[in-house]
Amino acid sequence: MEYNELLDWYKDERKIDKLKESFKVYIKNSESEEIAKINIDNVCNFLNDNYENICNIVTDKMLNEKNENWLDDDEEPLTRDYFIKILNKIDSISINNDLTTNIYFDDNNLFWGTLIEVNLNKDLHITNVGLVK
């Protein structure tokens, strides 16, 4: 884990069992490296334990958006199973001062390279899913 004094955040590289690739985790204004590690561990454990549920919620929120507004002219509407299957890469996670969390999924070009953002409250409940603007 490394600390960036200018940005006042810790950065770490993490991996969960459900994904092949690792991702970066950032945490702002943590009291210490030890507390930052605990908070990162909590979010990553939650993510590992709830990955399928998170993907289902993202799909519920974003599949119609894709099929109604983001299909190329020659592209067929995506199925639920296909959409879930390609949600297989997390770009990064950001844990804020108030312990709310943003998970950024790589969209695998579903939305022309726009990240899919999942917002969690401090209790790790999903509060919003959308595209990064």
C-alpha atoms as a PDB file:
ATOM      1  CA  MET A   1       0.000   0.000   0.000  1.00  0.00           C
ATOM      2  CA  GLU A   2       1.306   3.436  -0.819  1.00  0.00           C
ATOM      3  CA  TYR A   3       0.319   6.879   0.419  1.00  0.00           C
ATOM      4  CA  ASN A   4       0.064   9.920  -1.857  1.00  0.00           C
ATOM      5  CA  GLU A   5       0.483  12.982   0.324  1.00  0.00           C
ATOM      6  CA  LEU A   6      -0.523  15.431  -2.411  1.00  0.00           C
ATOM      7  CA  LEU A   7      -3.852  13.665  -3.021  1.00  0.00           C
ATOM      8  CA  ASP A   8      -4.189  12.522   0.618  1.00  0.00           C
ATOM      9  CA  TRP A   9      -5.099   8.948  -0.219  1.00  0.00           C
ATOM     10  CA  TYR A  10      -3.775   5.444   0.055  1.00  0.00           C
ATOM     11  CA  LYS A  11      -3.612   3.256  -3.017  1.00  0.00           C
ATOM     12  CA  ASP A  12      -3.498  -0.515  -3.053  1.00  0.00           C
ATOM     13  CA  GLU A  13      -3.728  -3.269  -5.652  1.00  0.00           C
ATOM     14  CA  ARG A  14      -6.286  -5.975  -4.840  1.00  0.00           C
ATOM     15  CA  LYS A  15      -7.848  -9.092  -6.285  1.00  0.00           C
ATOM     16  CA  ILE A  16     -10.964 -11.044  -5.356  1.00  0.00           C
ATOM     17  CA  ASP A  17     -11.674 -14.718  -5.982  1.00  0.00           C
ATOM     18  CA  LYS A  18     -14.502 -13.968  -8.423  1.00  0.00           C
ATOM     19  CA  LEU A  19     -12.314 -12.040 -10.883  1.00  0.00           C
ATOM     20  CA  LYS A  20      -9.242 -12.969 -12.892  1.00  0.00           C
ATOM     21  CA  GLU A  21      -7.636  -9.532 -12.829  1.00  0.00           C
ATOM     22  CA  SER A  22      -6.631  -7.284  -9.978  1.00  0.00           C
ATOM     23  CA  PHE A  23      -7.846  -3.711  -9.561  1.00  0.00           C
ATOM     24  CA  LYS A  24      -6.755  -0.555  -7.770  1.00  0.00           C
ATOM     25  CA  VAL A  25      -8.398   0.623  -4.551  1.00  0.00           C
ATOM     26  CA  TYR A  26      -8.116   4.202  -3.320  1.00  0.00           C
ATOM     27  CA  ILE A  27      -9.085   5.438   0.126  1.00  0.00           C
ATOM     28  CA  LYS A  28      -9.211   9.108   1.062  1.00  0.00           C
ATOM     29  CA  ASN A  29      -8.107  10.702   4.321  1.00  0.00           C
ATOM     30  CA  SER A  30      -7.666   7.569   6.360  1.00  0.00           C
ATOM     31  CA  GLU A  31      -6.382   8.066   9.894  1.00  0.00           C
ATOM     32  CA  SER A  32      -3.577   5.584   9.326  1.00  0.00           C
ATOM     33  CA  GLU A  33      -2.365   2.918   6.951  1.00  0.00           C
ATOM     34  CA  GLU A  34      -3.696   0.268   9.332  1.00  0.00           C
ATOM     35  CA  ILE A  35      -7.207   1.747   9.307  1.00  0.00           C
ATOM     36  CA  ALA A  36      -7.030   2.181   5.526  1.00  0.00           C
ATOM     37  CA  LYS A  37      -6.154  -1.506   5.169  1.00  0.00           C
ATOM     38  CA  ILE A  38      -9.059  -2.552   7.424  1.00  0.00           C
ATOM     39  CA  ASN A  39     -11.528  -0.476   5.407  1.00  0.00           C
ATOM     40  CA  ILE A  40     -10.177  -1.774   2.096  1.00  0.00           C
ATOM     41  CA  ASP A  41     -10.374  -5.350   3.419  1.00  0.00           C
ATOM     42  CA  ASN A  42     -14.006  -4.792   4.460  1.00  0.00           C
ATOM     43  CA  VAL A  43     -15.016  -3.531   1.013  1.00  0.00           C
ATOM     44  CA  CYS A  44     -13.096  -6.262  -0.822  1.00  0.00           C
ATOM     45  CA  ASN A  45     -14.578  -8.998   1.398  1.00  0.00           C
ATOM     46  CA  PHE A  46     -18.045  -7.586   0.773  1.00  0.00           C
ATOM     47  CA  LEU A  47     -17.374  -7.490  -2.946  1.00  0.00           C
ATOM     48  CA  ASN A  48     -16.096 -11.052  -3.005  1.00  0.00           C
ATOM     49  CA  ASP A  49     -19.085 -12.334  -0.999  1.00  0.00           C
ATOM     50  CA  ASN A  50     -21.667 -10.361  -2.999  1.00  0.00           C
ATOM     51  CA  TYR A  51     -20.224 -10.184  -6.506  1.00  0.00           C
ATOM     52  CA  GLU A  52     -23.038 -12.129  -8.214  1.00  0.00           C
ATOM     53  CA  ASN A  53     -25.702 -10.057  -6.471  1.00  0.00           C
ATOM     54  CA  ILE A  54     -23.948  -6.821  -7.447  1.00  0.00           C
ATOM     55  CA  CYS A  55     -23.750  -7.995 -11.077  1.00  0.00           C
ATOM     56  CA  ASN A  56     -27.464  -8.832 -11.018  1.00  0.00           C
ATOM     57  CA  ILE A  57     -28.317  -5.374  -9.683  1.00  0.00           C
ATOM     58  CA  VAL A  58     -26.078  -3.687 -12.274  1.00  0.00           C
ATOM     59  CA  THR A  59     -27.738  -5.756 -14.993  1.00  0.00           C
ATOM     60  CA  ASP A  60     -31.220  -4.874 -13.709  1.00  0.00           C
ATOM     61  CA  LYS A  61     -30.322  -1.179 -13.905  1.00  0.00           C
ATOM     62  CA  MET A  62     -28.224  -1.095 -17.080  1.00  0.00           C
ATOM     63  CA  LEU A  63     -29.444  -3.774 -19.537  1.00  0.00           C
ATOM     64  CA  ASN A  64     -32.445  -1.781 -20.769  1.00  0.00           C
ATOM     65  CA  GLU A  65     -30.269   1.337 -21.009  1.00  0.00           C
ATOM     66  CA  LYS A  66     -27.871  -0.580 -23.264  1.00  0.00           C
ATOM     67  CA  ASN A  67     -30.581  -2.150 -25.409  1.00  0.00           C
ATOM     68  CA  GLU A  68     -32.666   1.014 -25.770  1.00  0.00           C
ATOM     69  CA  ASN A  69     -29.985   3.689 -26.175  1.00  0.00           C
ATOM     70  CA  TRP A  70     -26.523   2.248 -26.809  1.00  0.00           C
ATOM     71  CA  LEU A  71     -26.818  -0.441 -29.490  1.00  0.00           C
ATOM     72  CA  ASP A  72     -24.865  -0.005 -32.699  1.00  0.00           C
ATOM     73  CA  ASP A  73     -27.004  -0.090 -35.864  1.00  0.00           C
ATOM     74  CA  ASP A  74     -26.081  -3.696 -36.619  1.00  0.00           C
ATOM     75  CA  GLU A  75     -26.076  -4.899 -33.004  1.00  0.00           C
ATOM     76  CA  GLU A  76     -28.720  -7.245 -31.607  1.00  0.00           C
ATOM     77  CA  PRO A  77     -30.167  -6.548 -28.140  1.00  0.00           C
ATOM     78  CA  LEU A  78     -28.103  -8.176 -25.410  1.00  0.00           C
ATOM     79  CA  THR A  79     -29.446 -10.943 -23.214  1.00  0.00           C
ATOM     80  CA  ARG A  80     -29.317 -10.801 -19.437  1.00  0.00           C
ATOM     81  CA  ASP A  81     -26.917 -13.775 -19.308  1.00  0.00           C
ATOM     82  CA  TYR A  82     -24.531 -12.167 -21.788  1.00  0.00           C
ATOM     83  CA  PHE A  83     -24.583  -8.821 -19.984  1.00  0.00           C
ATOM     84  CA  ILE A  84     -23.754 -10.481 -16.648  1.00  0.00           C
ATOM     85  CA  LYS A  85     -21.027 -12.571 -18.266  1.00  0.00           C
ATOM     86  CA  ILE A  86     -19.143  -9.547 -19.563  1.00  0.00           C
ATOM     87  CA  LEU A  87     -19.208  -7.677 -16.241  1.00  0.00           C
ATOM     88  CA  ASN A  88     -15.919  -9.333 -15.419  1.00  0.00           C
ATOM     89  CA  LYS A  89     -13.507  -6.501 -14.767  1.00  0.00           C
ATOM     90  CA  ILE A  90     -13.377  -3.859 -12.079  1.00  0.00           C
ATOM     91  CA  ASP A  91     -11.443  -0.785 -13.111  1.00  0.00           C
ATOM     92  CA  SER A  92     -11.066   0.613  -9.599  1.00  0.00           C
ATOM     93  CA  ILE A  93     -12.710   1.211  -6.245  1.00  0.00           C
ATOM     94  CA  SER A  94     -12.757   4.491  -4.357  1.00  0.00           C
ATOM     95  CA  ILE A  95     -13.540   4.652  -0.637  1.00  0.00           C
ATOM     96  CA  ASN A  96     -14.455   8.163   0.479  1.00  0.00           C
ATOM     97  CA  ASN A  97     -13.912  10.027   3.760  1.00  0.00           C
ATOM     98  CA  ASP A  98     -17.374   9.052   5.004  1.00  0.00           C
ATOM     99  CA  LEU A  99     -16.744   5.397   3.995  1.00  0.00           C
ATOM    100  CA  THR A 100     -19.166   5.544   1.085  1.00  0.00           C
ATOM    101  CA  THR A 101     -17.707   3.554  -1.782  1.00  0.00           C
ATOM    102  CA  ASN A 102     -17.702   3.781  -5.564  1.00  0.00           C
ATOM    103  CA  ILE A 103     -17.012   0.637  -7.593  1.00  0.00           C
ATOM    104  CA  TYR A 104     -16.089   1.288 -11.216  1.00  0.00           C
ATOM    105  CA  PHE A 105     -16.685  -1.574 -13.638  1.00  0.00           C
ATOM    106  CA  ASP A 106     -14.998  -1.673 -17.020  1.00  0.00           C
ATOM    107  CA  ASP A 107     -17.922  -1.692 -19.467  1.00  0.00           C
ATOM    108  CA  ASN A 108     -16.195  -3.947 -22.044  1.00  0.00           C
ATOM    109  CA  ASN A 109     -17.270  -1.340 -24.604  1.00  0.00           C
ATOM    110  CA  LEU A 110     -21.002  -1.824 -23.888  1.00  0.00           C
ATOM    111  CA  PHE A 111     -21.340   1.929 -23.399  1.00  0.00           C
ATOM    112  CA  TRP A 112     -18.521   2.947 -25.738  1.00  0.00           C
ATOM    113  CA  GLY A 113     -15.870   2.846 -23.038  1.00  0.00           C
ATOM    114  CA  THR A 114     -17.794   4.621 -20.262  1.00  0.00           C
ATOM    115  CA  LEU A 115     -17.288   3.168 -16.789  1.00  0.00           C
ATOM    116  CA  ILE A 116     -20.259   1.729 -14.900  1.00  0.00           C
ATOM    117  CA  GLU A 117     -20.369   3.177 -11.385  1.00  0.00           C
ATOM    118  CA  VAL A 118     -21.918   1.404  -8.398  1.00  0.00           C
ATOM    119  CA  ASN A 119     -22.350   3.581  -5.302  1.00  0.00           C
ATOM    120  CA  LEU A 120     -22.451   2.017  -1.839  1.00  0.00           C
ATOM    121  CA  ASN A 121     -23.336   3.742   1.412  1.00  0.00           C
ATOM    122  CA  LYS A 122     -21.139   3.325   4.500  1.00  0.00           C
ATOM    123  CA  ASP A 123     -23.067   0.146   5.392  1.00  0.00           C
ATOM    124  CA  LEU A 124     -22.190  -1.277   1.948  1.00  0.00           C
ATOM    125  CA  HIS A 125     -25.730  -1.114   0.569  1.00  0.00           C
ATOM    126  CA  ILE A 126     -26.077  -0.140  -3.089  1.00  0.00           C
ATOM    127  CA  THR A 127     -27.572   3.332  -3.438  1.00  0.00           C
ATOM    128  CA  ASN A 128     -27.118   3.946  -7.171  1.00  0.00           C
ATOM    129  CA  VAL A 129     -25.925   2.373 -10.405  1.00  0.00           C
ATOM    130  CA  GLY A 130     -25.164   4.396 -13.527  1.00  0.00           C
ATOM    131  CA  LEU A 131     -22.601   5.539 -16.025  1.00  0.00           C
ATOM    132  CA  VAL A 132     -19.747   7.815 -15.016  1.00  0.00           C
ATOM    133  CA  LYS A 133     -20.415  11.246 -16.455  1.00  0.00           C
END
